[in-house]
């Protein structure tokens, strides 16, 4: 008999801008920015069902870098989106660290940063392989801060559909 945990999805949180790029290439690729040469890029997912705190984007105000709020990300990043997948296809914890060749020191550093951002490193899952978006469900955060599951085609053509509604 399946448990509730087996039905829970893990989420790759991203912006609308990046989601468009993901759909057009068909895969979620691991981020390579700031990844040391000896490590493998990871496609990160989170068990956090609301939002993964480490997925926030930065902003610069008067020369000071701070984190955007969710409403700011919705406004300035073409919305918030997430791709969901069952976690059994992914790694977490020490298995993920080893597969990605992340040093112990770097793993401790990443976890400390995550905890400082109010994330739970136990929620983190990932893959060193690209993830086919056809294996994922897709959700968009609406104007009320709730996630809505939608068909990617509807979301990708949202502006075109809005124009048809107005005319």
Protein backbone atom coordinates (compact mmCIF):
# COMPACT_ATOMS: atom_id res chain seq x y z
CA UNK A 1 0.00 0.00 0.00
CA UNK A 2 1.39 3.42 -0.98
CA UNK A 3 2.07 5.90 1.78
CA UNK A 4 1.31 9.60 1.61
CA UNK A 5 5.07 10.30 1.43
CA UNK A 6 5.31 8.29 -1.81
CA UNK A 7 2.80 10.65 -3.43
CA UNK A 8 4.56 13.87 -2.44
CA UNK A 9 6.36 15.71 -5.21
CA UNK A 10 9.63 17.56 -4.93
CA UNK A 11 9.86 20.90 -6.71
CA UNK A 12 12.33 22.75 -8.88
CA UNK A 13 11.41 26.38 -8.11
CA UNK A 14 12.24 28.96 -10.74
CA UNK A 15 11.11 32.20 -12.34
CA UNK A 16 8.78 32.57 -15.30
CA UNK A 17 11.68 33.86 -17.36
CA UNK A 18 13.73 30.70 -16.72
CA UNK A 19 10.71 28.42 -17.12
CA UNK A 20 10.26 29.64 -20.69
CA UNK A 21 13.86 28.72 -21.47
CA UNK A 22 13.40 25.32 -19.82
CA UNK A 23 10.31 24.56 -21.92
CA UNK A 24 11.98 25.61 -25.15
CA UNK A 25 14.96 23.31 -24.61
CA UNK A 26 12.84 20.53 -23.03
CA UNK A 27 15.14 19.89 -20.07
CA UNK A 28 16.02 21.36 -16.70
CA UNK A 29 19.81 21.59 -16.64
CA UNK A 30 21.98 21.98 -13.57
CA UNK A 31 23.11 25.52 -12.87
CA UNK A 32 26.81 26.00 -13.61
CA UNK A 33 27.28 29.48 -12.14
CA UNK A 34 29.65 29.43 -9.15
CA UNK A 35 30.09 25.65 -9.36
CA UNK A 36 33.73 24.68 -8.73
CA UNK A 37 35.51 22.89 -11.58
CA UNK A 38 35.68 19.58 -9.72
CA UNK A 39 31.90 19.47 -9.03
CA UNK A 40 29.05 18.34 -11.25
CA UNK A 41 26.20 20.83 -11.70
CA UNK A 42 23.03 19.80 -9.87
CA UNK A 43 19.39 20.23 -10.84
CA UNK A 44 18.03 21.16 -7.41
CA UNK A 45 14.60 20.19 -6.09
CA UNK A 46 12.98 20.77 -2.71
CA UNK A 47 10.47 18.88 -0.60
CA UNK A 48 9.25 22.28 0.67
CA UNK A 49 5.68 22.48 -0.62
CA UNK A 50 5.37 26.28 -0.29
CA UNK A 51 8.67 27.65 -1.64
CA UNK A 52 12.35 26.79 -1.24
CA UNK A 53 14.01 29.75 0.52
CA UNK A 54 17.32 29.22 -1.32
CA UNK A 55 15.53 29.79 -4.65
CA UNK A 56 14.99 33.50 -4.00
CA UNK A 57 16.63 35.94 -6.36
CA UNK A 58 18.81 38.84 -5.30
CA UNK A 59 18.26 42.53 -5.88
CA UNK A 60 20.55 45.51 -5.47
CA UNK A 61 19.17 48.57 -3.68
CA UNK A 62 21.49 51.53 -3.20
CA UNK A 63 24.47 49.25 -3.74
CA UNK A 64 23.32 46.70 -1.15
CA UNK A 65 22.41 43.19 -2.25
CA UNK A 66 19.31 41.76 -0.57
CA UNK A 67 16.81 39.00 -1.29
CA UNK A 68 13.63 39.68 -3.23
CA UNK A 69 10.29 38.90 -1.64
CA UNK A 70 7.93 36.50 -3.39
CA UNK A 71 5.72 39.39 -4.63
CA UNK A 72 8.82 41.15 -6.00
CA UNK A 73 9.89 37.98 -7.79
CA UNK A 74 6.40 37.58 -9.26
CA UNK A 75 6.49 41.18 -10.48
CA UNK A 76 10.05 41.37 -11.79
CA UNK A 77 10.80 37.80 -12.93
CA UNK A 78 7.73 37.04 -15.09
CA UNK A 79 6.14 35.18 -12.20
CA UNK A 80 7.09 32.19 -10.09
CA UNK A 81 6.88 28.65 -11.40
CA UNK A 82 7.79 25.18 -10.29
CA UNK A 83 8.35 21.79 -11.86
CA UNK A 84 7.34 18.78 -9.77
CA UNK A 85 8.62 15.22 -9.93
CA UNK A 86 8.50 12.19 -7.67
CA UNK A 87 11.64 12.08 -5.52
CA UNK A 88 12.51 8.43 -6.16
CA UNK A 89 14.27 9.49 -9.38
CA UNK A 90 16.55 11.83 -7.42
CA UNK A 91 19.29 11.74 -4.79
CA UNK A 92 19.53 13.59 -1.50
CA UNK A 93 21.89 14.05 1.42
CA UNK A 94 25.22 12.25 1.32
CA UNK A 95 24.29 10.35 -1.86
CA UNK A 96 23.73 13.61 -3.72
CA UNK A 97 26.90 15.18 -2.27
CA UNK A 98 29.03 12.26 -3.44
CA UNK A 99 27.43 12.00 -6.92
CA UNK A 100 27.95 15.73 -7.49
CA UNK A 101 31.54 15.53 -6.13
CA UNK A 102 30.79 18.27 -3.60
CA UNK A 103 33.48 18.39 -0.93
CA UNK A 104 32.49 17.95 2.72
CA UNK A 105 33.54 21.53 3.44
CA UNK A 106 31.46 22.90 0.57
CA UNK A 107 28.45 20.78 1.61
CA UNK A 108 28.67 22.14 5.16
CA UNK A 109 28.94 25.68 3.76
CA UNK A 110 25.88 25.18 1.50
CA UNK A 111 23.84 23.80 4.39
CA UNK A 112 24.83 26.72 6.67
CA UNK A 113 23.81 29.23 4.00
CA UNK A 114 20.52 27.38 3.49
CA UNK A 115 19.75 27.29 7.20
CA UNK A 116 20.54 31.01 7.48
CA UNK A 117 17.94 31.54 4.72
CA UNK A 118 15.42 29.44 6.73
CA UNK A 119 15.71 26.41 4.44
CA UNK A 120 15.89 22.81 5.62
CA UNK A 121 18.76 20.93 3.91
CA UNK A 122 16.86 17.69 4.54
CA UNK A 123 14.35 18.97 1.95
CA UNK A 124 16.99 19.13 -0.78
CA UNK A 125 17.01 16.62 -3.62
CA UNK A 126 18.87 16.75 -6.88
CA UNK A 127 20.22 15.15 -9.99
CA UNK A 128 23.52 15.54 -11.80
CA UNK A 129 21.63 14.59 -14.96
CA UNK A 130 19.31 16.95 -16.81
CA UNK A 131 15.61 16.37 -16.13
CA UNK A 132 13.17 15.93 -19.01
CA UNK A 133 10.28 18.37 -18.45
CA UNK A 134 7.83 15.84 -19.86
CA UNK A 135 8.36 13.89 -16.61
CA UNK A 136 7.29 16.89 -14.51
CA UNK A 137 4.07 18.59 -13.58
CA UNK A 138 4.05 22.37 -13.90
CA UNK A 139 2.61 24.94 -11.52
CA UNK A 140 2.44 28.73 -11.42
CA UNK A 141 1.98 30.91 -8.35
CA UNK A 142 -1.18 32.98 -8.81
CA UNK A 143 -1.84 36.54 -7.63
CA UNK A 144 -3.11 35.17 -4.29
CA UNK A 145 0.16 33.36 -3.57
CA UNK A 146 -1.27 29.90 -4.28
CA UNK A 147 0.17 27.33 -6.63
CA UNK A 148 -1.99 26.33 -9.62
CA UNK A 149 -1.26 23.32 -11.78
CA UNK A 150 -1.62 24.24 -15.42
CA UNK A 151 -0.73 22.87 -18.81
CA UNK A 152 2.56 24.30 -20.07
CA UNK A 153 1.02 25.17 -23.44
CA UNK A 154 -1.57 27.39 -21.73
CA UNK A 155 1.11 29.18 -19.74
CA UNK A 156 3.49 29.60 -22.69
CA UNK A 157 0.74 31.19 -24.78
CA UNK A 158 -0.78 33.23 -21.93
CA UNK A 159 -0.11 36.63 -23.51
CA UNK A 160 -1.57 35.53 -26.83
CA UNK A 161 -4.64 34.14 -25.05
CA UNK A 162 -5.04 37.37 -23.06
CA UNK A 163 -5.02 39.43 -26.26
CA UNK A 164 -7.72 37.20 -27.77
CA UNK A 165 -9.88 37.68 -24.65
CA UNK A 166 -9.56 41.47 -24.82
CA UNK A 167 -10.35 41.71 -28.57
